[in-house]
């Protein structure tokens, strides 16, 4: 786990051994740097850069 608080946890991509899990992303950060061949995650809020708390 990269970081966590009372509301969320940040897990690095590829660190969950048993996929799929019940975990689902609710937002994506820095989407302006998303590779053109990657699609946005359905139903996740898209932030151009950092999420403002």
N, C-alpha and C. Protein backbone atom coordinates (compact mmCIF):
# COMPACT_ATOMS: atom_id res chain seq x y z
N UNK A 1 0.84 -1.16 0.00
CA UNK A 1 0.00 0.00 0.00
C UNK A 1 0.89 1.23 0.00
N UNK A 2 0.56 2.16 -0.85
CA UNK A 2 1.37 3.36 -1.00
C UNK A 2 1.03 4.39 0.08
N UNK A 3 -0.26 4.64 0.27
CA UNK A 3 -0.70 5.56 1.32
C UNK A 3 -2.16 5.29 1.63
N UNK A 4 -2.60 5.75 2.79
CA UNK A 4 -4.00 5.60 3.17
C UNK A 4 -4.38 6.63 4.23
N UNK A 5 -5.69 6.83 4.35
CA UNK A 5 -6.23 7.66 5.42
C UNK A 5 -7.60 7.09 5.78
N UNK A 6 -8.40 7.81 6.53
CA UNK A 6 -9.71 7.30 6.95
C UNK A 6 -10.69 7.09 5.80
N UNK A 7 -10.46 7.76 4.67
CA UNK A 7 -11.42 7.72 3.56
C UNK A 7 -10.99 6.90 2.37
N UNK A 8 -9.68 6.68 2.18
CA UNK A 8 -9.23 5.99 0.98
C UNK A 8 -7.85 5.39 1.16
N UNK A 9 -7.51 4.51 0.23
CA UNK A 9 -6.18 3.89 0.20
C UNK A 9 -5.65 3.96 -1.21
N UNK A 10 -4.37 4.23 -1.35
CA UNK A 10 -3.73 4.26 -2.67
C UNK A 10 -2.91 2.98 -2.82
N UNK A 11 -3.27 2.20 -3.82
CA UNK A 11 -2.61 0.93 -4.08
C UNK A 11 -1.94 1.02 -5.44
N UNK A 12 -0.66 0.71 -5.50
CA UNK A 12 0.05 0.77 -6.78
C UNK A 12 -0.45 -0.30 -7.74
N UNK A 13 -0.50 0.06 -8.99
CA UNK A 13 -0.94 -0.84 -10.04
C UNK A 13 -0.11 -2.11 -10.05
N UNK A 14 -0.77 -3.26 -10.11
CA UNK A 14 -0.08 -4.53 -10.19
C UNK A 14 0.31 -5.15 -8.86
N UNK A 15 -0.09 -4.53 -7.74
CA UNK A 15 0.32 -5.06 -6.45
C UNK A 15 -0.65 -6.07 -5.85
N UNK A 16 -1.83 -6.19 -6.40
CA UNK A 16 -2.81 -7.15 -5.89
C UNK A 16 -2.61 -8.49 -6.59
N UNK A 17 -2.28 -9.49 -5.83
CA UNK A 17 -1.98 -10.80 -6.39
C UNK A 17 -3.22 -11.49 -6.97
N UNK A 18 -4.33 -11.40 -6.26
CA UNK A 18 -5.54 -12.10 -6.67
C UNK A 18 -6.54 -11.11 -7.27
N UNK A 19 -6.53 -11.00 -8.55
CA UNK A 19 -7.47 -10.10 -9.23
C UNK A 19 -8.49 -10.95 -9.98
N UNK A 20 -9.68 -10.53 -10.20
CA UNK A 20 -10.24 -9.26 -9.73
C UNK A 20 -10.60 -9.32 -8.26
N UNK A 21 -10.72 -8.16 -7.67
CA UNK A 21 -11.14 -8.04 -6.27
C UNK A 21 -12.38 -7.15 -6.22
N UNK A 22 -12.91 -6.98 -5.05
CA UNK A 22 -14.07 -6.10 -4.88
C UNK A 22 -13.67 -4.63 -4.91
N UNK A 23 -12.36 -4.35 -4.91
CA UNK A 23 -11.89 -2.97 -4.95
C UNK A 23 -12.12 -2.38 -6.34
N UNK A 24 -12.57 -1.15 -6.37
CA UNK A 24 -12.79 -0.46 -7.65
C UNK A 24 -12.37 0.99 -7.50
N UNK A 25 -11.65 1.54 -8.49
CA UNK A 25 -11.25 2.95 -8.41
C UNK A 25 -12.45 3.88 -8.52
N UNK A 26 -12.41 4.96 -7.76
CA UNK A 26 -13.47 5.95 -7.84
C UNK A 26 -13.02 7.20 -8.58
N UNK A 27 -11.69 7.35 -8.78
CA UNK A 27 -11.18 8.48 -9.55
C UNK A 27 -9.83 8.14 -10.15
N UNK A 28 -9.45 8.92 -11.16
CA UNK A 28 -8.14 8.81 -11.80
C UNK A 28 -7.46 10.17 -11.75
N UNK A 29 -6.17 10.16 -11.45
CA UNK A 29 -5.38 11.39 -11.40
C UNK A 29 -4.50 11.52 -12.64
N UNK A 30 -4.14 12.73 -12.96
CA UNK A 30 -3.21 13.06 -14.04
C UNK A 30 -3.63 12.42 -15.37
N UNK A 31 -4.92 12.52 -15.67
CA UNK A 31 -5.40 11.92 -16.92
C UNK A 31 -4.86 12.63 -18.15
N UNK A 32 -4.33 13.83 -17.98
CA UNK A 32 -3.74 14.52 -19.14
C UNK A 32 -2.49 13.78 -19.63
N UNK A 33 -1.95 12.88 -18.82
CA UNK A 33 -0.77 12.10 -19.21
C UNK A 33 -1.12 10.65 -19.54
N UNK A 34 -2.41 10.35 -19.63
CA UNK A 34 -2.83 8.99 -19.96
C UNK A 34 -2.36 8.63 -21.37
N UNK A 35 -1.85 7.46 -21.53
CA UNK A 35 -1.47 6.97 -22.85
C UNK A 35 -2.69 6.93 -23.76
N UNK A 36 -2.53 7.27 -25.01
CA UNK A 36 -3.66 7.37 -25.94
C UNK A 36 -4.38 6.04 -26.11
N UNK A 37 -3.72 4.93 -25.85
CA UNK A 37 -4.33 3.62 -26.04
C UNK A 37 -5.04 3.11 -24.79
N UNK A 38 -4.97 3.87 -23.67
CA UNK A 38 -5.70 3.51 -22.45
C UNK A 38 -7.03 4.24 -22.39
N UNK A 39 -8.07 3.52 -22.05
CA UNK A 39 -9.40 4.11 -21.93
C UNK A 39 -9.63 4.59 -20.50
N UNK A 40 -10.46 5.61 -20.32
CA UNK A 40 -10.82 6.04 -18.97
C UNK A 40 -11.54 4.92 -18.23
N UNK A 41 -11.44 4.92 -16.93
CA UNK A 41 -12.16 3.93 -16.11
C UNK A 41 -13.61 4.37 -16.01
N UNK A 42 -14.53 3.48 -16.35
CA UNK A 42 -15.95 3.78 -16.30
C UNK A 42 -16.37 4.19 -14.90
N UNK A 43 -17.19 5.22 -14.81
CA UNK A 43 -17.76 5.73 -13.56
C UNK A 43 -16.74 6.32 -12.60
N UNK A 44 -15.50 6.52 -13.01
CA UNK A 44 -14.49 7.13 -12.15
C UNK A 44 -14.36 8.62 -12.51
N UNK A 45 -14.26 9.45 -11.50
CA UNK A 45 -14.05 10.88 -11.71
C UNK A 45 -12.67 11.06 -12.32
N UNK A 46 -12.57 11.93 -13.32
CA UNK A 46 -11.31 12.15 -14.03
C UNK A 46 -10.72 13.50 -13.61
N UNK A 47 -9.53 13.48 -13.02
CA UNK A 47 -8.83 14.70 -12.64
C UNK A 47 -7.67 14.92 -13.61
N UNK A 48 -7.60 16.11 -14.17
CA UNK A 48 -6.54 16.43 -15.11
C UNK A 48 -5.16 16.30 -14.46
N UNK A 49 -5.05 16.75 -13.20
CA UNK A 49 -3.81 16.65 -12.45
C UNK A 49 -4.12 16.06 -11.08
N UNK A 50 -3.67 16.70 -10.00
CA UNK A 50 -3.94 16.21 -8.66
C UNK A 50 -5.37 16.47 -8.21
N UNK A 51 -5.85 15.62 -7.32
CA UNK A 51 -7.15 15.80 -6.71
C UNK A 51 -7.00 16.86 -5.60
N UNK A 52 -7.87 17.83 -5.60
CA UNK A 52 -7.85 18.87 -4.58
C UNK A 52 -8.77 18.42 -3.45
N UNK A 53 -8.22 18.31 -2.25
CA UNK A 53 -8.99 17.81 -1.10
C UNK A 53 -10.03 18.79 -0.63
